[in-house]
C-alpha atoms as a PDB file:
ATOM      1  CA  MET A   1      90.907 127.292  96.391  1.00  0.00           C
ATOM      2  CA  LYS A   2      91.731 126.737 100.041  1.00  0.00           C
ATOM      3  CA  TYR A   3      89.082 128.278 102.259  1.00  0.00           C
ATOM      4  CA  ALA A   4      89.401 128.630 106.031  1.00  0.00           C
ATOM      5  CA  THR A   5      87.628 130.095 109.027  1.00  0.00           C
ATOM      6  CA  PHE A   6      89.811 132.257 111.250  1.00  0.00           C
ATOM      7  CA  SER A   7      89.829 135.039 113.805  1.00  0.00           C
ATOM      8  CA  LEU A   8      92.282 137.647 115.072  1.00  0.00           C
ATOM      9  CA  ALA A   9      93.525 138.498 118.545  1.00  0.00           C
ATOM     10  CA  ALA A  10      92.002 141.957 118.183  1.00  0.00           C
ATOM     11  CA  ASP A  11      88.671 140.592 116.926  1.00  0.00           C
ATOM     12  CA  PRO A  12      87.623 137.099 118.071  1.00  0.00           C
ATOM     13  CA  ALA A  13      84.643 136.921 115.685  1.00  0.00           C
ATOM     14  CA  PRO A  14      85.225 134.121 113.117  1.00  0.00           C
ATOM     15  CA  ARG A  15      85.835 135.328 109.558  1.00  0.00           C
ATOM     16  CA  LEU A  16      85.900 133.723 106.121  1.00  0.00           C
ATOM     17  CA  GLY A  17      89.369 133.483 104.617  1.00  0.00           C
ATOM     18  CA  LEU A  18      91.255 132.318 101.536  1.00  0.00           C
ATOM     19  CA  VAL A  19      94.706 130.807 102.082  1.00  0.00           C
ATOM     20  CA  ARG A  20      97.393 131.962  99.657  1.00  0.00           C
ATOM     21  CA  GLY A  21     100.896 130.800 100.463  1.00  0.00           C
ATOM     22  CA  ASP A  22     101.748 131.905 103.985  1.00  0.00           C
ATOM     23  CA  GLN A  23      98.953 134.509 104.098  1.00  0.00           C
ATOM     24  CA  ILE A  24      95.202 134.424 104.581  1.00  0.00           C
ATOM     25  CA  VAL A  25      93.039 136.908 102.708  1.00  0.00           C
ATOM     26  CA  ASP A  26      90.092 138.263 104.690  1.00  0.00           C
ATOM     27  CA  LEU A  27      87.203 137.470 102.363  1.00  0.00           C
ATOM     28  CA  THR A  28      84.672 138.844 104.814  1.00  0.00           C
ATOM     29  CA  ALA A  29      86.259 142.275 104.300  1.00  0.00           C
ATOM     30  CA  ALA A  30      86.812 141.769 100.564  1.00  0.00           C
ATOM     31  CA  PHE A  31      83.198 140.780  99.887  1.00  0.00           C
ATOM     32  CA  ALA A  32      81.836 143.683 101.939  1.00  0.00           C
ATOM     33  CA  ARG A  33      83.195 146.148  99.365  1.00  0.00           C
ATOM     34  CA  THR A  34      81.564 144.738  96.244  1.00  0.00           C
ATOM     35  CA  TRP A  35      79.033 142.038  97.162  1.00  0.00           C
ATOM     36  CA  PRO A  36      75.961 143.177  99.088  1.00  0.00           C
ATOM     37  CA  GLY A  37      74.572 140.337 101.145  1.00  0.00           C
ATOM     38  CA  ALA A  38      77.679 138.226 100.572  1.00  0.00           C
ATOM     39  CA  PRO A  39      78.077 135.049 102.646  1.00  0.00           C
ATOM     40  CA  SER A  40      79.983 135.817 105.817  1.00  0.00           C
ATOM     41  CA  THR A  41      80.798 132.219 106.787  1.00  0.00           C
ATOM     42  CA  LEU A  42      82.193 129.261 104.925  1.00  0.00           C
ATOM     43  CA  LEU A  43      79.006 127.302 105.542  1.00  0.00           C
ATOM     44  CA  ALA A  44      76.994 130.147 103.986  1.00  0.00           C
ATOM     45  CA  LEU A  45      79.359 130.214 101.003  1.00  0.00           C
ATOM     46  CA  VAL A  46      78.942 126.463 100.482  1.00  0.00           C
ATOM     47  CA  GLN A  47      75.169 126.878 100.704  1.00  0.00           C
ATOM     48  CA  SER A  48      75.171 129.789  98.232  1.00  0.00           C
ATOM     49  CA  GLY A  49      75.430 127.326  95.338  1.00  0.00           C
ATOM     50  CA  PRO A  50      77.376 127.433  92.061  1.00  0.00           C
ATOM     51  CA  ASP A  51      76.548 131.097  91.376  1.00  0.00           C
ATOM     52  CA  GLY A  52      77.926 132.071  94.774  1.00  0.00           C
ATOM     53  CA  TRP A  53      81.009 129.909  94.345  1.00  0.00           C
ATOM     54  CA  GLN A  54      81.755 131.502  90.990  1.00  0.00           C
ATOM     55  CA  ARG A  55      81.262 134.994  92.347  1.00  0.00           C
ATOM     56  CA  ALA A  56      83.613 134.232  95.229  1.00  0.00           C
ATOM     57  CA  ARG A  57      86.259 133.042  92.765  1.00  0.00           C
ATOM     58  CA  ALA A  58      85.849 136.139  90.615  1.00  0.00           C
ATOM     59  CA  SER A  59      85.827 138.621  93.494  1.00  0.00           C
ATOM     60  CA  ASP A  60      88.514 141.284  93.504  1.00  0.00           C
ATOM     61  CA  THR A  61      90.685 140.680  96.559  1.00  0.00           C
ATOM     62  CA  ASP A  62      93.342 143.240  95.643  1.00  0.00           C
ATOM     63  CA  GLY A  63      93.751 145.516  98.610  1.00  0.00           C
ATOM     64  CA  ALA A  64      91.770 143.255 100.916  1.00  0.00           C
ATOM     65  CA  PRO A  65      93.320 142.762 104.364  1.00  0.00           C
ATOM     66  CA  SER A  66      95.573 139.737 104.664  1.00  0.00           C
ATOM     67  CA  HIS A  67      97.375 138.244 107.626  1.00  0.00           C
ATOM     68  CA  PRO A  68     100.297 135.871 108.162  1.00  0.00           C
ATOM     69  CA  LEU A  69      99.032 132.367 108.883  1.00  0.00           C
ATOM     70  CA  ALA A  70     101.174 132.282 111.998  1.00  0.00           C
ATOM     71  CA  SER A  71      99.256 135.245 113.457  1.00  0.00           C
ATOM     72  CA  ILE A  72      95.685 133.961 113.231  1.00  0.00           C
ATOM     73  CA  ARG A  73      93.531 131.653 115.296  1.00  0.00           C
ATOM     74  CA  TRP A  74      92.292 128.794 113.156  1.00  0.00           C
ATOM     75  CA  HIS A  75      88.746 127.503 113.579  1.00  0.00           C
ATOM     76  CA  ALA A  76      87.226 124.398 112.029  1.00  0.00           C
ATOM     77  CA  PRO A  77      86.259 125.339 108.441  1.00  0.00           C
ATOM     78  CA  ILE A  78      82.624 124.736 109.428  1.00  0.00           C
ATOM     79  CA  PRO A  79      82.699 125.324 113.194  1.00  0.00           C
ATOM     80  CA  ARG A  80      79.110 124.223 113.727  1.00  0.00           C
ATOM     81  CA  PRO A  81      77.667 121.927 111.032  1.00  0.00           C
ATOM     82  CA  SER A  82      73.916 122.221 110.553  1.00  0.00           C
ATOM     83  CA  LYS A  83      73.465 118.619 111.650  1.00  0.00           C
ATOM     84  CA  ASN A  84      75.457 115.608 112.775  1.00  0.00           C
ATOM     85  CA  VAL A  85      78.626 114.655 110.930  1.00  0.00           C
ATOM     86  CA  PHE A  86      78.030 111.484 108.889  1.00  0.00           C
ATOM     87  CA  CYS A  87      80.746 108.887 109.499  1.00  0.00           C
ATOM     88  CA  LEU A  88      81.868 105.622 107.920  1.00  0.00           C
ATOM     89  CA  GLY A  89      82.843 102.720 110.144  1.00  0.00           C
ATOM     90  CA  ARG A  90      85.326 100.056 109.113  1.00  0.00           C
ATOM     91  CA  ASN A  91      85.828 101.440 105.596  1.00  0.00           C
ATOM     92  CA  TYR A  92      89.376 100.090 105.272  1.00  0.00           C
ATOM     93  CA  ALA A  93      89.775  96.305 105.292  1.00  0.00           C
ATOM     94  CA  ALA A  94      92.901  96.355 107.458  1.00  0.00           C
ATOM     95  CA  HIS A  95      91.114  98.467 110.081  1.00  0.00           C
ATOM     96  CA  ALA A  96      88.064  96.193 109.963  1.00  0.00           C
ATOM     97  CA  ARG A  97      90.383  93.270 110.740  1.00  0.00           C
ATOM     98  CA  GLU A  98      92.230  95.011 113.583  1.00  0.00           C
ATOM     99  CA  ALA A  99      88.969  96.223 115.158  1.00  0.00           C
ATOM    100  CA  ALA A 100      87.433  92.758 115.092  1.00  0.00           C
ATOM    101  CA  GLN A 101      90.562  91.106 116.455  1.00  0.00           C
ATOM    102  CA  ALA A 102      90.848  93.674 119.266  1.00  0.00           C
ATOM    103  CA  ARG A 103      87.345  92.735 120.412  1.00  0.00           C
ATOM    104  CA  GLY A 104      87.724  89.000 119.869  1.00  0.00           C
ATOM    105  CA  GLN A 105      85.121  89.037 117.112  1.00  0.00           C
ATOM    106  CA  GLU A 106      84.928  87.250 113.788  1.00  0.00           C
ATOM    107  CA  VAL A 107      86.428  89.359 111.012  1.00  0.00           C
ATOM    108  CA  LYS A 108      83.671  90.517 108.662  1.00  0.00           C
ATOM    109  CA  ILE A 109      84.483  92.944 105.876  1.00  0.00           C
ATOM    110  CA  PRO A 110      81.424  95.197 105.337  1.00  0.00           C
ATOM    111  CA  THR A 111      79.394  94.604 102.193  1.00  0.00           C
ATOM    112  CA  VAL A 112      77.467  97.884 102.582  1.00  0.00           C
ATOM    113  CA  PRO A 113      78.741 101.110 104.164  1.00  0.00           C
ATOM    114  CA  VAL A 114      78.497 101.201 107.965  1.00  0.00           C
ATOM    115  CA  ILE A 115      77.107 104.624 108.916  1.00  0.00           C
ATOM    116  CA  PHE A 116      77.037 106.411 112.268  1.00  0.00           C
ATOM    117  CA  THR A 117      77.160 110.086 113.259  1.00  0.00           C
ATOM    118  CA  LYS A 118      78.987 112.509 115.532  1.00  0.00           C
ATOM    119  CA  ALA A 119      77.198 115.389 117.255  1.00  0.00           C
ATOM    120  CA  PRO A 120      77.887 118.904 115.872  1.00  0.00           C
ATOM    121  CA  THR A 121      79.142 119.891 119.336  1.00  0.00           C
ATOM    122  CA  SER A 122      82.076 117.499 118.881  1.00  0.00           C
ATOM    123  CA  VAL A 123      83.604 119.718 116.174  1.00  0.00           C
ATOM    124  CA  THR A 124      86.661 121.729 117.207  1.00  0.00           C
ATOM    125  CA  GLY A 125      89.498 123.601 115.545  1.00  0.00           C
ATOM    126  CA  PRO A 126      92.572 122.127 113.848  1.00  0.00           C
ATOM    127  CA  PHE A 127      94.988 123.455 116.485  1.00  0.00           C
ATOM    128  CA  ASP A 128      92.762 123.518 119.562  1.00  0.00           C
ATOM    129  CA  ASP A 129      93.443 121.516 122.700  1.00  0.00           C
ATOM    130  CA  ILE A 130      91.173 118.502 123.121  1.00  0.00           C
ATOM    131  CA  ALA A 131      89.693 118.826 126.602  1.00  0.00           C
ATOM    132  CA  VAL A 132      89.063 115.237 127.687  1.00  0.00           C
ATOM    133  CA  ASP A 133      86.641 114.729 130.557  1.00  0.00           C
ATOM    134  CA  ARG A 134      88.238 111.835 132.428  1.00  0.00           C
ATOM    135  CA  THR A 135      85.034 111.227 134.362  1.00  0.00           C
ATOM    136  CA  ALA A 136      83.586 110.115 131.013  1.00  0.00           C
ATOM    137  CA  THR A 137      86.426 108.130 129.437  1.00  0.00           C
ATOM    138  CA  GLN A 138      89.862 106.653 130.098  1.00  0.00           C
ATOM    139  CA  GLN A 139      90.399 105.232 126.602  1.00  0.00           C
ATOM    140  CA  VAL A 140      90.711 107.976 123.983  1.00  0.00           C
ATOM    141  CA  ASP A 141      91.766 106.720 120.553  1.00  0.00           C
ATOM    142  CA  TRP A 142      92.758 108.429 117.298  1.00  0.00           C
ATOM    143  CA  GLU A 143      91.445 108.034 113.721  1.00  0.00           C
ATOM    144  CA  VAL A 144      92.699 110.043 110.741  1.00  0.00           C
ATOM    145  CA  GLU A 145      90.026 110.500 108.061  1.00  0.00           C
ATOM    146  CA  LEU A 146      89.376 112.323 104.814  1.00  0.00           C
ATOM    147  CA  GLY A 147      86.421 114.661 105.280  1.00  0.00           C
ATOM    148  CA  VAL A 148      83.957 115.470 102.485  1.00  0.00           C
ATOM    149  CA  VAL A 149      81.733 118.565 102.418  1.00  0.00           C
ATOM    150  CA  ILE A 150      78.625 118.393 100.254  1.00  0.00           C
ATOM    151  CA  GLY A 151      78.065 121.402  97.978  1.00  0.00           C
ATOM    152  CA  ALA A 152      74.970 120.511  95.963  1.00  0.00           C
ATOM    153  CA  SER A 153      72.010 119.022  97.802  1.00  0.00           C
ATOM    154  CA  GLY A 154      70.449 115.855  96.434  1.00  0.00           C
ATOM    155  CA  ARG A 155      68.671 112.585  97.070  1.00  0.00           C
ATOM    156  CA  ASN A 156      69.175 109.253  95.278  1.00  0.00           C
ATOM    157  CA  ILE A 157      72.416 110.545  93.777  1.00  0.00           C
ATOM    158  CA  SER A 158      74.008 108.172  91.275  1.00  0.00           C
ATOM    159  CA  LYS A 159      77.623 107.084  91.618  1.00  0.00           C
ATOM    160  CA  GLY A 160      78.385 108.777  88.307  1.00  0.00           C
ATOM    161  CA  ASP A 161      77.064 112.120  89.564  1.00  0.00           C
ATOM    162  CA  ALA A 162      78.270 111.828  93.155  1.00  0.00           C
ATOM    163  CA  LEU A 163      81.534 113.764  92.980  1.00  0.00           C
ATOM    164  CA  ARG A 164      79.765 116.679  91.286  1.00  0.00           C
ATOM    165  CA  HIS A 165      77.868 117.117  94.562  1.00  0.00           C
ATOM    166  CA  VAL A 166      81.101 117.664  96.520  1.00  0.00           C
ATOM    167  CA  PHE A 167      82.177 121.218  97.375  1.00  0.00           C
ATOM    168  CA  GLY A 168      85.495 120.236  98.902  1.00  0.00           C
ATOM    169  CA  TYR A 169      87.605 118.167 101.257  1.00  0.00           C
ATOM    170  CA  THR A 170      89.113 118.598 104.703  1.00  0.00           C
ATOM    171  CA  VAL A 171      90.908 116.610 107.426  1.00  0.00           C
ATOM    172  CA  ILE A 172      89.020 115.002 110.310  1.00  0.00           C
ATOM    173  CA  ASN A 173      90.265 113.172 113.394  1.00  0.00           C
ATOM    174  CA  ASP A 174      87.433 110.885 114.491  1.00  0.00           C
ATOM    175  CA  LEU A 175      88.486 110.702 118.137  1.00  0.00           C
ATOM    176  CA  THR A 176      86.795 107.868 119.997  1.00  0.00           C
ATOM    177  CA  ALA A 177      86.199 106.910 123.618  1.00  0.00           C
ATOM    178  CA  ARG A 178      86.674 103.157 123.261  1.00  0.00           C
ATOM    179  CA  ASP A 179      85.410 102.338 126.751  1.00  0.00           C
ATOM    180  CA  LEU A 180      82.159 104.224 126.099  1.00  0.00           C
ATOM    181  CA  GLN A 181      81.885 102.567 122.717  1.00  0.00           C
ATOM    182  CA  GLN A 182      82.125  99.173 124.376  1.00  0.00           C
ATOM    183  CA  GLN A 183      79.766 100.000 127.233  1.00  0.00           C
ATOM    184  CA  HIS A 184      77.005 101.388 125.026  1.00  0.00           C
ATOM    185  CA  MET A 185      77.344  98.706 122.325  1.00  0.00           C
ATOM    186  CA  GLN A 186      77.023 101.399 119.652  1.00  0.00           C
ATOM    187  CA  TRP A 187      79.221 104.235 118.435  1.00  0.00           C
ATOM    188  CA  PHE A 188      77.390 107.552 118.838  1.00  0.00           C
ATOM    189  CA  LYS A 189      78.168 108.380 122.477  1.00  0.00           C
ATOM    190  CA  GLY A 190      81.820 107.383 122.348  1.00  0.00           C
ATOM    191  CA  LYS A 191      82.324 109.394 119.154  1.00  0.00           C
ATOM    192  CA  SER A 192      80.459 112.541 120.208  1.00  0.00           C
ATOM    193  CA  LEU A 193      82.163 113.867 123.327  1.00  0.00           C
ATOM    194  CA  ASP A 194      82.960 117.576 123.187  1.00  0.00           C
ATOM    195  CA  GLY A 195      86.022 118.247 121.036  1.00  0.00           C
ATOM    196  CA  PHE A 196      86.128 114.748 119.565  1.00  0.00           C
ATOM    197  CA  CYS A 197      85.962 115.948 115.941  1.00  0.00           C
ATOM    198  CA  PRO A 198      88.950 118.179 115.118  1.00  0.00           C
ATOM    199  CA  MET A 199      88.470 119.485 111.571  1.00  0.00           C
ATOM    200  CA  GLY A 200      90.621 121.541 109.184  1.00  0.00           C
ATOM    201  CA  PRO A 201      92.885 123.322 108.769  1.00  0.00           C
ATOM    202  CA  VAL A 202      91.348 124.268 105.395  1.00  0.00           C
ATOM    203  CA  LEU A 203      88.563 123.210 103.067  1.00  0.00           C
ATOM    204  CA  VAL A 204      90.075 122.516  99.647  1.00  0.00           C
ATOM    205  CA  THR A 205      87.672 122.828  96.722  1.00  0.00           C
ATOM    206  CA  ALA A 206      87.046 119.652  94.766  1.00  0.00           C
ATOM    207  CA  ASP A 207      88.599 120.972  91.550  1.00  0.00           C
ATOM    208  CA  GLU A 208      91.882 121.740  93.290  1.00  0.00           C
ATOM    209  CA  PHE A 209      91.947 118.566  95.393  1.00  0.00           C
ATOM    210  CA  GLY A 210      91.532 116.174  92.459  1.00  0.00           C
ATOM    211  CA  ASP A 211      90.920 112.447  92.779  1.00  0.00           C
ATOM    212  CA  PRO A 212      89.934 111.715  96.407  1.00  0.00           C
ATOM    213  CA  GLN A 213      91.056 108.085  96.074  1.00  0.00           C
ATOM    214  CA  THR A 214      94.768 108.817  95.621  1.00  0.00           C
ATOM    215  CA  LYS A 215      95.625 110.683  98.831  1.00  0.00           C
ATOM    216  CA  ARG A 216      98.023 109.667 101.574  1.00  0.00           C
ATOM    217  CA  VAL A 217      96.581 109.825 105.105  1.00  0.00           C
ATOM    218  CA  GLN A 218      98.775 109.864 108.205  1.00  0.00           C
ATOM    219  CA  LEU A 219      98.544 110.322 111.942  1.00  0.00           C
ATOM    220  CA  ARG A 220     101.342 110.820 114.433  1.00  0.00           C
ATOM    221  CA  VAL A 221     101.311 110.837 118.240  1.00  0.00           C
ATOM    222  CA  ASN A 222     104.172 112.780 119.835  1.00  0.00           C
ATOM    223  CA  GLY A 223     106.015 112.518 116.518  1.00  0.00           C
ATOM    224  CA  ALA A 224     105.661 108.731 116.194  1.00  0.00           C
ATOM    225  CA  THR A 225     103.755 107.546 113.124  1.00  0.00           C
ATOM    226  CA  LYS A 226     100.718 105.465 114.070  1.00  0.00           C
ATOM    227  CA  GLN A 227      98.711 105.479 110.828  1.00  0.00           C
ATOM    228  CA  ASP A 228     100.073 105.714 107.293  1.00  0.00           C
ATOM    229  CA  SER A 229      97.889 104.628 104.409  1.00  0.00           C
ATOM    230  CA  SER A 230      96.094 105.855 101.296  1.00  0.00           C
ATOM    231  CA  THR A 231      92.495 106.586 100.439  1.00  0.00           C
ATOM    232  CA  GLU A 232      92.910 104.117  97.569  1.00  0.00           C
ATOM    233  CA  HIS A 233      92.374 101.407 100.195  1.00  0.00           C
ATOM    234  CA  MET A 234      88.840 102.487 101.088  1.00  0.00           C
ATOM    235  CA  ILE A 235      86.347  99.650 100.719  1.00  0.00           C
ATOM    236  CA  PHE A 236      83.708 102.174  99.646  1.00  0.00           C
ATOM    237  CA  PRO A 237      85.175 105.180  97.798  1.00  0.00           C
ATOM    238  CA  VAL A 238      83.697 108.647  98.097  1.00  0.00           C
ATOM    239  CA  ASP A 239      81.352 108.308  95.117  1.00  0.00           C
ATOM    240  CA  VAL A 240      79.899 105.057  96.460  1.00  0.00           C
ATOM    241  CA  ILE A 241      79.518 106.551  99.946  1.00  0.00           C
ATOM    242  CA  ILE A 242      77.487 109.450  98.540  1.00  0.00           C
ATOM    243  CA  GLU A 243      75.414 107.162  96.319  1.00  0.00           C
ATOM    244  CA  TRP A 244      74.589 104.814  99.187  1.00  0.00           C
ATOM    245  CA  LEU A 245      74.059 107.483 101.853  1.00  0.00           C
ATOM    246  CA  SER A 246      71.730 109.536  99.641  1.00  0.00           C
ATOM    247  CA  LYS A 247      69.351 106.649  98.903  1.00  0.00           C
ATOM    248  CA  GLY A 248      66.052 107.934 100.271  1.00  0.00           C
ATOM    249  CA  LEU A 249      67.966 110.476 102.397  1.00  0.00           C
ATOM    250  CA  THR A 250      68.568 114.036 101.260  1.00  0.00           C
ATOM    251  CA  LEU A 251      72.147 115.218 101.549  1.00  0.00           C
ATOM    252  CA  GLU A 252      72.226 118.986 101.990  1.00  0.00           C
ATOM    253  CA  ALA A 253      74.788 121.615 101.124  1.00  0.00           C
ATOM    254  CA  GLY A 254      77.191 121.883 104.048  1.00  0.00           C
ATOM    255  CA  ASP A 255      76.770 118.298 105.224  1.00  0.00           C
ATOM    256  CA  VAL A 256      80.046 116.765 106.377  1.00  0.00           C
ATOM    257  CA  ILE A 257      81.062 113.138 105.808  1.00  0.00           C
ATOM    258  CA  ALA A 258      84.032 111.447 107.512  1.00  0.00           C
ATOM    259  CA  THR A 259      85.051 108.608 105.216  1.00  0.00           C
ATOM    260  CA  GLY A 260      86.599 106.119 107.634  1.00  0.00           C
ATOM    261  CA  THR A 261      90.041 105.409 109.042  1.00  0.00           C
ATOM    262  CA  PRO A 262      92.828 103.004 108.053  1.00  0.00           C
ATOM    263  CA  ASP A 263      94.570 100.570 110.393  1.00  0.00           C
ATOM    264  CA  GLY A 264      96.922 101.690 113.123  1.00  0.00           C
ATOM    265  CA  VAL A 265      94.473 102.886 115.770  1.00  0.00           C
ATOM    266  CA  GLY A 266      95.403 102.498 119.418  1.00  0.00           C
ATOM    267  CA  MET A 267      92.733  99.898 120.160  1.00  0.00           C
ATOM    268  CA  GLY A 268      94.283  97.525 117.635  1.00  0.00           C
ATOM    269  CA  ARG A 269      97.814  97.631 119.030  1.00  0.00           C
ATOM    270  CA  THR A 270      99.455  95.068 121.310  1.00  0.00           C
ATOM    271  CA  PRO A 271      99.139  96.158 124.035  1.00  0.00           C
ATOM    272  CA  PRO A 272      96.417  98.731 123.282  1.00  0.00           C
ATOM    273  CA  GLU A 273      97.529 102.374 123.333  1.00  0.00           C
ATOM    274  CA  PHE A 274      95.322 105.283 124.369  1.00  0.00           C
ATOM    275  CA  LEU A 275      95.940 109.017 124.574  1.00  0.00           C
ATOM    276  CA  ASN A 276      97.227 110.668 127.738  1.00  0.00           C
ATOM    277  CA  ASP A 277      97.320 114.199 129.062  1.00  0.00           C
ATOM    278  CA  GLY A 278      99.776 116.274 127.007  1.00  0.00           C
ATOM    279  CA  ASP A 279      99.955 113.942 124.003  1.00  0.00           C
ATOM    280  CA  VAL A 280     100.146 115.793 120.682  1.00  0.00           C
ATOM    281  CA  LEU A 281      98.281 114.501 117.643  1.00  0.00           C
ATOM    282  CA  GLU A 282      99.275 115.405 114.090  1.00  0.00           C
ATOM    283  CA  THR A 283      96.552 114.439 111.621  1.00  0.00           C
ATOM    284  CA  GLU A 284      97.377 114.822 107.932  1.00  0.00           C
ATOM    285  CA  VAL A 285      95.793 114.285 104.536  1.00  0.00           C
ATOM    286  CA  GLU A 286      97.829 114.873 101.394  1.00  0.00           C
ATOM    287  CA  GLY A 287      96.797 118.019  99.562  1.00  0.00           C
ATOM    288  CA  ILE A 288      95.003 119.550 102.554  1.00  0.00           C
ATOM    289  CA  GLY A 289      97.414 119.959 105.445  1.00  0.00           C
ATOM    290  CA  VAL A 290      98.183 118.986 109.020  1.00  0.00           C
ATOM    291  CA  MET A 291      96.187 119.490 112.214  1.00  0.00           C
ATOM    292  CA  ARG A 292      97.955 119.565 115.585  1.00  0.00           C
ATOM    293  CA  ASN A 293      95.881 118.971 118.716  1.00  0.00           C
ATOM    294  CA  ARG A 294      97.039 118.430 122.289  1.00  0.00           C
ATOM    295  CA  ILE A 295      95.163 116.259 124.788  1.00  0.00           C
ATOM    296  CA  LYS A 296      94.269 118.174 127.930  1.00  0.00           C
ATOM    297  CA  ASN A 297      92.631 116.344 130.824  1.00  0.00           C
ATOM    298  CA  ILE A 298      89.735 117.945 132.666  1.00  0.00           C
ATOM    299  CA  ARG A 299      87.521 116.606 135.436  1.00  0.00           C
ATOM    300  CA  ASP A 300      84.544 118.927 135.455  1.00  0.00           C
END
């Protein structure tokens, strides 16, 4: 199943949808006919638990309104997560090396997952412009990442059980203000500017997505490939991330995890490359889809 959040020109209120081919089925309308109290958002569906997921799958969508994908406005699958997005730093060895070298630091491959977060207000849609406040940063960098959405809450989750706690997967671009990152000597501020977490275009359920450690991840800037790798190169795979993150910390249904980026970021290039006004980013994960976001400078 490929779930999405969308709206229409005639009705800007976000709706829950199911992508089928080149159409999106309006599940908000479909559920209203046969499911009193049905979840009206994708976050609510995720939080409804296995009984809700099964009912959504079994729901009769014959006759429900559908729309061409080209006619809708896409929103992030979960436009406003309930709390910060969990993120992995330096989870690919090649990126750990390029990041250290760019800063003149000793290369140290992490032995435990490096966790930081992005504010919920950083989340934006898969085709929205990224409004960059140039009074805040001059060094905007890109990072393609596989996103994980937790379906079943839990604490102290074992590696063997970890993937059973996943509802589905999406694409995330962990945009970063490198100058802020350097100034603050930590990652939160430089990762959390408004619009710095494009997400989407769909949320693919775990059963359809398959093994999360076999997926190609790519990012292009103005058509030029900058990152091209595979999730098989993660230092800490998804099951280990969930096991480690949940130790003494409850993961809740709807929590979002960005699993880290491979090498090829702008900071690590010679000379460094950063995003400019009008640049177009294409962020892609195999089996999910492609996001396209344009950088748009603002000064207020």
